[in-house]
Amino acid sequence: MREYSPDLTPQWKRAKAVPEVAADPDLVVEVAGTDFCGAVVACEAGTVTLEDRFGRRRVFPLEPRGFVLDGAVVTLTRPSRAPAAPARTASGSLAVPGARARVARAGRIYVEGRHDAELVERVWGDDLRIEGVVVEYLEGIDDLVAVVEEFAPGPDARLGVLVDHLVPGSKESRIAASVTSPDVLVVGHPYVDVWQAVKPSALGIRAWPEVPRGQDWKTGVCRALGWPENTGAAWQHVLSRVTSYRDLEPTLLGRVEELIDFVTAP
């Protein structure tokens, strides 16, 4: 007995099969039946987002025969797997899988205190190990001139120094100005303490509190925020909320990057 297809539509009336094309990022297509042409910027279940040359974005359903590619009707499909983004370090640099720490350079980066050093390590640690840069803390910069002289910087042993509260007229700015060696770079951020370089949003607070002059700043912050007056524990809480450079203020990010570039310059 002859078997018949369940589809009784005559062959001449049947729509011809069209190619299926994955909606990969930057693929440029036209939307069938319209004058809209754009590049793929996103593809989710059932829809594709196109952006035209004017920057306008529109969302279209992934319907069969819904698009035109190079003059031919096609059916866009969702890509089977998005391309994996390259791994990055906490500082935003491209990660180097399997890279071994470089032997330490003669050059160094000095920061004021332990908290500064821990924050730099948390965000730039991977980069510093690859570059062979050691970060040490000074416990203050009152003796910075003597510290620099003892280090004996030179073209092959540059020294970078990160200073807290480096603003015009401050004690820190006067000390920094007394260091004149061309092989030393002293930069700083405007904050009273490096805690403030962590964005308030990373901690779920609206802003860092104002602490009256004459009061220990860290203790005053703990009181204002209702934290136990244990500044060591408070700092560990602050540090734990820093996962990448996005959690830090640009005024600190730029200065640390500047120091790394300075001490690693050929």
C-alpha atoms as a PDB file:
ATOM      1  CA  MET A   1       0.000   0.000   0.000  1.00  0.00           C
ATOM      2  CA  ARG A   2       1.337   3.460  -0.903  1.00  0.00           C
ATOM      3  CA  GLU A   3       2.179   5.679   2.049  1.00  0.00           C
ATOM      4  CA  TYR A   4       1.273   9.357   1.915  1.00  0.00           C
ATOM      5  CA  SER A   5       2.924  12.225   3.696  1.00  0.00           C
ATOM      6  CA  PRO A   6       0.716  13.884   6.300  1.00  0.00           C
ATOM      7  CA  ASP A   7       1.556  17.212   4.583  1.00  0.00           C
ATOM      8  CA  LEU A   8      -0.780  17.322   1.566  1.00  0.00           C
ATOM      9  CA  THR A   9       0.428  20.759   0.432  1.00  0.00           C
ATOM     10  CA  PRO A  10       1.520  20.587  -3.222  1.00  0.00           C
ATOM     11  CA  GLN A  11       5.274  20.778  -3.715  1.00  0.00           C
ATOM     12  CA  TRP A  12       5.026  24.013  -5.676  1.00  0.00           C
ATOM     13  CA  LYS A  13       3.248  25.683  -2.763  1.00  0.00           C
ATOM     14  CA  ARG A  14       5.675  24.567  -0.088  1.00  0.00           C
ATOM     15  CA  ALA A  15       8.149  27.164   1.218  1.00  0.00           C
ATOM     16  CA  LYS A  16      11.717  26.340   0.318  1.00  0.00           C
ATOM     17  CA  ALA A  17      14.035  25.528   3.192  1.00  0.00           C
ATOM     18  CA  VAL A  18      16.358  28.394   4.115  1.00  0.00           C
ATOM     19  CA  PRO A  19      19.733  28.285   5.827  1.00  0.00           C
ATOM     20  CA  GLU A  20      19.967  28.547   9.581  1.00  0.00           C
ATOM     21  CA  VAL A  21      22.603  30.996  10.795  1.00  0.00           C
ATOM     22  CA  ALA A  22      23.809  31.443  14.378  1.00  0.00           C
ATOM     23  CA  ALA A  23      23.167  34.972  15.678  1.00  0.00           C
ATOM     24  CA  ASP A  24      26.769  35.580  16.687  1.00  0.00           C
ATOM     25  CA  PRO A  25      27.793  39.021  18.030  1.00  0.00           C
ATOM     26  CA  ASP A  26      28.426  41.652  15.301  1.00  0.00           C
ATOM     27  CA  LEU A  27      26.637  39.635  12.583  1.00  0.00           C
ATOM     28  CA  VAL A  28      24.902  42.218  10.342  1.00  0.00           C
ATOM     29  CA  VAL A  29      21.466  41.289   9.014  1.00  0.00           C
ATOM     30  CA  GLU A  30      18.319  42.921   7.691  1.00  0.00           C
ATOM     31  CA  VAL A  31      14.910  42.211   9.182  1.00  0.00           C
ATOM     32  CA  ALA A  32      12.727  40.620   6.501  1.00  0.00           C
ATOM     33  CA  GLY A  33       9.877  42.841   5.374  1.00  0.00           C
ATOM     34  CA  THR A  34      11.324  45.977   6.975  1.00  0.00           C
ATOM     35  CA  ASP A  35      14.067  48.484   6.235  1.00  0.00           C
ATOM     36  CA  PHE A  36      15.841  47.866   9.557  1.00  0.00           C
ATOM     37  CA  CYS A  37      19.430  46.650   9.306  1.00  0.00           C
ATOM     38  CA  GLY A  38      21.723  46.152  12.247  1.00  0.00           C
ATOM     39  CA  ALA A  39      24.396  44.143  14.009  1.00  0.00           C
ATOM     40  CA  VAL A  40      23.659  41.501  16.613  1.00  0.00           C
ATOM     41  CA  VAL A  41      24.439  42.791  20.116  1.00  0.00           C
ATOM     42  CA  ALA A  42      22.520  40.221  22.157  1.00  0.00           C
ATOM     43  CA  CYS A  43      20.653  36.979  21.649  1.00  0.00           C
ATOM     44  CA  GLU A  44      18.411  35.461  24.268  1.00  0.00           C
ATOM     45  CA  ALA A  45      15.864  32.676  24.229  1.00  0.00           C
ATOM     46  CA  GLY A  46      13.460  33.550  21.418  1.00  0.00           C
ATOM     47  CA  THR A  47      14.749  37.057  20.628  1.00  0.00           C
ATOM     48  CA  VAL A  48      17.679  38.869  19.065  1.00  0.00           C
ATOM     49  CA  THR A  49      18.724  42.493  19.666  1.00  0.00           C
ATOM     50  CA  LEU A  50      20.072  44.438  16.690  1.00  0.00           C
ATOM     51  CA  GLU A  51      21.818  47.818  16.692  1.00  0.00           C
ATOM     52  CA  ASP A  52      21.771  49.977  13.569  1.00  0.00           C
ATOM     53  CA  ARG A  53      24.461  52.404  12.419  1.00  0.00           C
ATOM     54  CA  PHE A  54      22.819  55.224  14.391  1.00  0.00           C
ATOM     55  CA  GLY A  55      23.121  53.289  17.662  1.00  0.00           C
ATOM     56  CA  ARG A  56      19.409  52.495  17.857  1.00  0.00           C
ATOM     57  CA  ARG A  57      18.576  49.079  19.270  1.00  0.00           C
ATOM     58  CA  ARG A  58      15.496  46.968  18.589  1.00  0.00           C
ATOM     59  CA  VAL A  59      14.456  43.501  19.692  1.00  0.00           C
ATOM     60  CA  PHE A  60      13.047  40.995  17.163  1.00  0.00           C
ATOM     61  CA  PRO A  61      11.678  37.471  17.562  1.00  0.00           C
ATOM     62  CA  LEU A  62      13.768  34.605  16.211  1.00  0.00           C
ATOM     63  CA  GLU A  63      11.155  33.581  13.668  1.00  0.00           C
ATOM     64  CA  PRO A  64      11.780  31.252  10.727  1.00  0.00           C
ATOM     65  CA  ARG A  65      12.738  33.131   7.543  1.00  0.00           C
ATOM     66  CA  GLY A  66      12.783  36.324   9.577  1.00  0.00           C
ATOM     67  CA  PHE A  67      16.048  37.862   8.393  1.00  0.00           C
ATOM     68  CA  VAL A  68      18.086  38.599   5.293  1.00  0.00           C
ATOM     69  CA  LEU A  69      21.827  37.967   5.124  1.00  0.00           C
ATOM     70  CA  ASP A  70      23.789  38.999   2.036  1.00  0.00           C
ATOM     71  CA  GLY A  71      20.555  39.193   0.046  1.00  0.00           C
ATOM     72  CA  ALA A  72      19.337  35.718   1.038  1.00  0.00           C
ATOM     73  CA  VAL A  73      16.531  34.908   3.479  1.00  0.00           C
ATOM     74  CA  VAL A  74      17.783  33.056   6.555  1.00  0.00           C
ATOM     75  CA  THR A  75      16.562  31.828   9.913  1.00  0.00           C
ATOM     76  CA  LEU A  76      18.603  33.132  12.833  1.00  0.00           C
ATOM     77  CA  THR A  77      19.239  30.733  15.695  1.00  0.00           C
ATOM     78  CA  ARG A  78      20.618  31.255  19.142  1.00  0.00           C
ATOM     79  CA  PRO A  79      24.367  30.492  19.273  1.00  0.00           C
ATOM     80  CA  SER A  80      25.031  27.136  20.887  1.00  0.00           C
ATOM     81  CA  ARG A  81      27.563  28.615  23.271  1.00  0.00           C
ATOM     82  CA  ALA A  82      28.737  32.135  23.892  1.00  0.00           C
ATOM     83  CA  PRO A  83      32.473  32.601  23.401  1.00  0.00           C
ATOM     84  CA  ALA A  84      34.298  32.486  26.697  1.00  0.00           C
ATOM     85  CA  ALA A  85      35.554  35.857  27.834  1.00  0.00           C
ATOM     86  CA  PRO A  86      39.275  35.981  28.563  1.00  0.00           C
ATOM     87  CA  ALA A  87      40.075  35.583  32.248  1.00  0.00           C
ATOM     88  CA  ARG A  88      41.114  38.759  34.030  1.00  0.00           C
ATOM     89  CA  THR A  89      42.839  39.564  37.285  1.00  0.00           C
ATOM     90  CA  ALA A  90      41.187  41.626  40.013  1.00  0.00           C
ATOM     91  CA  SER A  91      42.840  44.734  38.559  1.00  0.00           C
ATOM     92  CA  GLY A  92      41.214  44.135  35.159  1.00  0.00           C
ATOM     93  CA  SER A  93      44.395  42.953  33.432  1.00  0.00           C
ATOM     94  CA  LEU A  94      44.343  39.862  31.220  1.00  0.00           C
ATOM     95  CA  ALA A  95      45.217  36.846  33.349  1.00  0.00           C
ATOM     96  CA  VAL A  96      48.187  34.705  32.335  1.00  0.00           C
ATOM     97  CA  PRO A  97      47.242  31.104  33.226  1.00  0.00           C
ATOM     98  CA  GLY A  98      50.114  29.159  34.734  1.00  0.00           C
ATOM     99  CA  ALA A  99      52.392  32.187  34.906  1.00  0.00           C
ATOM    100  CA  ARG A 100      55.081  31.904  37.565  1.00  0.00           C
ATOM    101  CA  ALA A 101      56.068  34.766  39.822  1.00  0.00           C
ATOM    102  CA  ARG A 102      59.033  36.706  38.503  1.00  0.00           C
ATOM    103  CA  VAL A 103      62.170  37.117  40.597  1.00  0.00           C
ATOM    104  CA  ALA A 104      61.742  40.342  42.552  1.00  0.00           C
ATOM    105  CA  ARG A 105      63.019  43.504  40.908  1.00  0.00           C
ATOM    106  CA  ALA A 106      65.383  45.855  42.669  1.00  0.00           C
ATOM    107  CA  GLY A 107      62.661  48.499  42.483  1.00  0.00           C
ATOM    108  CA  ARG A 108      59.956  48.728  45.128  1.00  0.00           C
ATOM    109  CA  ILE A 109      56.618  50.312  45.912  1.00  0.00           C
ATOM    110  CA  TYR A 110      56.227  51.745  49.401  1.00  0.00           C
ATOM    111  CA  VAL A 111      52.823  52.496  50.930  1.00  0.00           C
ATOM    112  CA  GLU A 112      52.026  54.185  54.228  1.00  0.00           C
ATOM    113  CA  GLY A 113      50.493  51.384  56.242  1.00  0.00           C
ATOM    114  CA  ARG A 114      49.455  47.762  56.477  1.00  0.00           C
ATOM    115  CA  HIS A 115      45.932  48.437  55.239  1.00  0.00           C
ATOM    116  CA  ASP A 116      47.258  50.173  52.143  1.00  0.00           C
ATOM    117  CA  ALA A 117      49.502  47.184  51.428  1.00  0.00           C
ATOM    118  CA  GLU A 118      46.693  44.676  51.921  1.00  0.00           C
ATOM    119  CA  LEU A 119      44.382  46.593  49.592  1.00  0.00           C
ATOM    120  CA  VAL A 120      47.040  46.836  46.879  1.00  0.00           C
ATOM    121  CA  GLU A 121      47.729  43.107  47.228  1.00  0.00           C
ATOM    122  CA  ARG A 122      44.030  42.255  46.983  1.00  0.00           C
ATOM    123  CA  VAL A 123      43.530  44.048  43.679  1.00  0.00           C
ATOM    124  CA  TRP A 124      46.978  44.099  42.049  1.00  0.00           C
ATOM    125  CA  GLY A 125      48.630  41.067  43.656  1.00  0.00           C
ATOM    126  CA  ASP A 126      48.579  38.856  40.536  1.00  0.00           C
ATOM    127  CA  ASP A 127      49.983  41.650  38.369  1.00  0.00           C
ATOM    128  CA  LEU A 128      52.718  42.502  40.876  1.00  0.00           C
ATOM    129  CA  ARG A 129      53.919  38.909  41.129  1.00  0.00           C
ATOM    130  CA  ILE A 130      54.174  38.598  37.339  1.00  0.00           C
ATOM    131  CA  GLU A 131      56.069  41.903  37.184  1.00  0.00           C
ATOM    132  CA  GLY A 132      58.295  41.013  40.135  1.00  0.00           C
ATOM    133  CA  VAL A 133      57.316  44.099  42.138  1.00  0.00           C
ATOM    134  CA  VAL A 134      57.396  43.961  45.944  1.00  0.00           C
ATOM    135  CA  VAL A 135      55.136  46.246  48.009  1.00  0.00           C
ATOM    136  CA  GLU A 136      56.248  47.238  51.514  1.00  0.00           C
ATOM    137  CA  TYR A 137      54.581  49.441  54.102  1.00  0.00           C
ATOM    138  CA  LEU A 138      56.286  52.209  56.101  1.00  0.00           C
ATOM    139  CA  GLU A 139      53.962  52.865  59.064  1.00  0.00           C
ATOM    140  CA  GLY A 140      53.838  56.543  58.136  1.00  0.00           C
ATOM    141  CA  ILE A 141      55.910  58.865  55.952  1.00  0.00           C
ATOM    142  CA  ASP A 142      57.366  61.293  58.505  1.00  0.00           C
ATOM    143  CA  ASP A 143      60.855  59.895  57.782  1.00  0.00           C
ATOM    144  CA  LEU A 144      60.340  59.527  54.028  1.00  0.00           C
ATOM    145  CA  VAL A 145      63.465  61.465  53.048  1.00  0.00           C
ATOM    146  CA  ALA A 146      65.664  59.219  55.180  1.00  0.00           C
ATOM    147  CA  VAL A 147      63.884  56.113  53.901  1.00  0.00           C
ATOM    148  CA  VAL A 148      64.541  57.147  50.296  1.00  0.00           C
ATOM    149  CA  GLU A 149      68.201  57.850  51.022  1.00  0.00           C
ATOM    150  CA  GLU A 150      68.598  54.428  52.634  1.00  0.00           C
ATOM    151  CA  PHE A 151      66.944  52.741  49.638  1.00  0.00           C
ATOM    152  CA  ALA A 152      69.396  54.494  47.279  1.00  0.00           C
ATOM    153  CA  PRO A 153      67.207  54.586  44.173  1.00  0.00           C
ATOM    154  CA  GLY A 154      68.707  54.555  40.696  1.00  0.00           C
ATOM    155  CA  PRO A 155      67.737  53.898  37.052  1.00  0.00           C
ATOM    156  CA  ASP A 156      67.765  50.135  37.710  1.00  0.00           C
ATOM    157  CA  ALA A 157      66.109  50.375  41.126  1.00  0.00           C
ATOM    158  CA  ARG A 158      63.239  52.818  40.963  1.00  0.00           C
ATOM    159  CA  LEU A 159      61.099  53.571  43.958  1.00  0.00           C
ATOM    160  CA  GLY A 160      57.391  54.391  43.962  1.00  0.00           C
ATOM    161  CA  VAL A 161      55.630  55.769  47.029  1.00  0.00           C
ATOM    162  CA  LEU A 162      51.867  55.906  47.650  1.00  0.00           C
ATOM    163  CA  VAL A 163      50.830  58.545  50.182  1.00  0.00           C
ATOM    164  CA  ASP A 164      47.517  59.022  51.986  1.00  0.00           C
ATOM    165  CA  HIS A 165      45.866  62.454  52.103  1.00  0.00           C
ATOM    166  CA  LEU A 166      48.143  64.023  49.493  1.00  0.00           C
ATOM    167  CA  VAL A 167      46.343  67.351  49.062  1.00  0.00           C
ATOM    168  CA  PRO A 168      47.713  70.892  48.706  1.00  0.00           C
ATOM    169  CA  GLY A 169      48.846  72.406  52.007  1.00  0.00           C
ATOM    170  CA  SER A 170      48.885  69.134  53.919  1.00  0.00           C
ATOM    171  CA  LYS A 171      51.820  67.783  55.925  1.00  0.00           C
ATOM    172  CA  GLU A 172      51.968  64.894  53.466  1.00  0.00           C
ATOM    173  CA  SER A 173      52.322  67.228  50.471  1.00  0.00           C
ATOM    174  CA  ARG A 174      55.243  69.045  52.127  1.00  0.00           C
ATOM    175  CA  ILE A 175      57.039  65.778  52.872  1.00  0.00           C
ATOM    176  CA  ALA A 176      56.434  64.491  49.332  1.00  0.00           C
ATOM    177  CA  ALA A 177      57.826  67.695  47.830  1.00  0.00           C
ATOM    178  CA  SER A 178      61.106  67.174  49.716  1.00  0.00           C
ATOM    179  CA  VAL A 179      61.844  64.029  47.675  1.00  0.00           C
ATOM    180  CA  THR A 180      63.521  65.176  44.462  1.00  0.00           C
ATOM    181  CA  SER A 181      65.271  62.121  43.015  1.00  0.00           C
ATOM    182  CA  PRO A 182      64.308  61.454  39.366  1.00  0.00           C
ATOM    183  CA  ASP A 183      64.226  57.746  40.216  1.00  0.00           C
ATOM    184  CA  VAL A 184      61.513  58.204  42.839  1.00  0.00           C
ATOM    185  CA  LEU A 185      57.831  58.862  42.130  1.00  0.00           C
ATOM    186  CA  VAL A 186      55.630  59.996  45.010  1.00  0.00           C
ATOM    187  CA  VAL A 187      51.902  60.035  44.289  1.00  0.00           C
ATOM    188  CA  GLY A 188      48.870  59.918  46.518  1.00  0.00           C
ATOM    189  CA  HIS A 189      45.134  59.967  46.951  1.00  0.00           C
ATOM    190  CA  PRO A 190      43.067  62.659  48.690  1.00  0.00           C
ATOM    191  CA  TYR A 191      41.547  60.475  51.389  1.00  0.00           C
ATOM    192  CA  VAL A 192      42.321  60.745  55.099  1.00  0.00           C
ATOM    193  CA  ASP A 193      42.634  56.966  55.126  1.00  0.00           C
ATOM    194  CA  VAL A 194      42.771  54.323  52.413  1.00  0.00           C
ATOM    195  CA  TRP A 195      39.469  52.907  53.700  1.00  0.00           C
ATOM    196  CA  GLN A 196      37.759  55.757  51.873  1.00  0.00           C
ATOM    197  CA  ALA A 197      39.205  54.539  48.566  1.00  0.00           C
ATOM    198  CA  VAL A 198      36.707  51.673  48.762  1.00  0.00           C
ATOM    199  CA  LYS A 199      33.456  52.754  47.166  1.00  0.00           C
ATOM    200  CA  PRO A 200      30.603  53.094  49.677  1.00  0.00           C
ATOM    201  CA  SER A 201      28.390  51.051  47.336  1.00  0.00           C
ATOM    202  CA  ALA A 202      30.691  48.044  47.838  1.00  0.00           C
ATOM    203  CA  LEU A 203      29.821  48.182  51.545  1.00  0.00           C
ATOM    204  CA  GLY A 204      26.142  48.921  51.130  1.00  0.00           C
ATOM    205  CA  ILE A 205      26.396  52.396  52.659  1.00  0.00           C
ATOM    206  CA  ARG A 206      25.442  55.746  51.122  1.00  0.00           C
ATOM    207  CA  ALA A 207      28.728  57.484  51.924  1.00  0.00           C
ATOM    208  CA  TRP A 208      31.662  57.391  54.292  1.00  0.00           C
ATOM    209  CA  PRO A 209      30.709  59.311  57.434  1.00  0.00           C
ATOM    210  CA  GLU A 210      32.244  62.682  58.344  1.00  0.00           C
ATOM    211  CA  VAL A 211      34.461  62.323  61.424  1.00  0.00           C
ATOM    212  CA  PRO A 212      35.102  65.444  63.556  1.00  0.00           C
ATOM    213  CA  ARG A 213      38.682  66.691  63.593  1.00  0.00           C
ATOM    214  CA  GLY A 214      40.660  65.561  66.611  1.00  0.00           C
ATOM    215  CA  GLN A 215      38.877  62.199  66.732  1.00  0.00           C
ATOM    216  CA  ASP A 216      40.559  59.007  65.531  1.00  0.00           C
ATOM    217  CA  TRP A 217      39.153  58.596  62.039  1.00  0.00           C
ATOM    218  CA  LYS A 218      38.774  54.819  61.989  1.00  0.00           C
ATOM    219  CA  THR A 219      37.162  54.717  65.430  1.00  0.00           C
ATOM    220  CA  GLY A 220      34.828  57.544  64.430  1.00  0.00           C
ATOM    221  CA  VAL A 221      33.774  55.635  61.314  1.00  0.00           C
ATOM    222  CA  CYS A 222      32.982  52.541  63.368  1.00  0.00           C
ATOM    223  CA  ARG A 223      30.838  54.603  65.756  1.00  0.00           C
ATOM    224  CA  ALA A 224      28.993  56.406  62.980  1.00  0.00           C
ATOM    225  CA  LEU A 225      28.199  53.183  61.140  1.00  0.00           C
ATOM    226  CA  GLY A 226      27.239  51.275  64.272  1.00  0.00           C
ATOM    227  CA  TRP A 227      30.130  48.846  63.942  1.00  0.00           C
ATOM    228  CA  PRO A 228      31.974  47.454  66.978  1.00  0.00           C
ATOM    229  CA  GLU A 229      34.908  49.746  67.802  1.00  0.00           C
ATOM    230  CA  ASN A 230      37.427  47.188  66.683  1.00  0.00           C
ATOM    231  CA  THR A 231      39.223  48.844  63.786  1.00  0.00           C
ATOM    232  CA  GLY A 232      41.140  45.683  62.854  1.00  0.00           C
ATOM    233  CA  ALA A 233      37.929  43.671  62.456  1.00  0.00           C
ATOM    234  CA  ALA A 234      36.256  46.604  60.698  1.00  0.00           C
ATOM    235  CA  TRP A 235      39.078  46.755  58.154  1.00  0.00           C
ATOM    236  CA  GLN A 236      38.810  43.043  57.456  1.00  0.00           C
ATOM    237  CA  HIS A 237      35.112  43.566  56.765  1.00  0.00           C
ATOM    238  CA  VAL A 238      35.889  46.449  54.394  1.00  0.00           C
ATOM    239  CA  LEU A 239      38.619  44.471  52.640  1.00  0.00           C
ATOM    240  CA  SER A 240      36.375  41.428  52.206  1.00  0.00           C
ATOM    241  CA  ARG A 241      33.949  43.494  50.153  1.00  0.00           C
ATOM    242  CA  VAL A 242      36.617  44.377  47.597  1.00  0.00           C
ATOM    243  CA  THR A 243      36.563  41.815  44.792  1.00  0.00           C
ATOM    244  CA  SER A 244      38.029  43.816  41.905  1.00  0.00           C
ATOM    245  CA  TYR A 245      39.118  47.262  40.753  1.00  0.00           C
ATOM    246  CA  ARG A 246      35.443  48.163  40.253  1.00  0.00           C
ATOM    247  CA  ASP A 247      35.081  48.437  44.040  1.00  0.00           C
ATOM    248  CA  LEU A 248      37.750  51.160  44.293  1.00  0.00           C
ATOM    249  CA  GLU A 249      37.648  54.878  43.579  1.00  0.00           C
ATOM    250  CA  PRO A 250      39.382  55.997  40.362  1.00  0.00           C
ATOM    251  CA  THR A 251      41.608  58.371  42.326  1.00  0.00           C
ATOM    252  CA  LEU A 252      43.359  55.372  43.884  1.00  0.00           C
ATOM    253  CA  LEU A 253      43.275  53.150  40.797  1.00  0.00           C
ATOM    254  CA  GLY A 254      45.127  55.654  38.646  1.00  0.00           C
ATOM    255  CA  ARG A 255      47.834  56.294  41.207  1.00  0.00           C
ATOM    256  CA  VAL A 256      48.657  52.626  41.785  1.00  0.00           C
ATOM    257  CA  GLU A 257      48.757  51.922  38.038  1.00  0.00           C
ATOM    258  CA  GLU A 258      51.084  54.927  37.679  1.00  0.00           C
ATOM    259  CA  LEU A 259      53.453  53.534  40.288  1.00  0.00           C
ATOM    260  CA  ILE A 260      53.536  50.068  38.728  1.00  0.00           C
ATOM    261  CA  ASP A 261      54.325  51.572  35.328  1.00  0.00           C
ATOM    262  CA  PHE A 262      57.076  53.716  36.862  1.00  0.00           C
ATOM    263  CA  VAL A 263      58.947  50.961  38.684  1.00  0.00           C
ATOM    264  CA  THR A 264      58.651  48.477  35.785  1.00  0.00           C
ATOM    265  CA  ALA A 265      59.659  50.878  32.996  1.00  0.00           C
ATOM    266  CA  PRO A 266      62.682  49.588  31.035  1.00  0.00           C
END
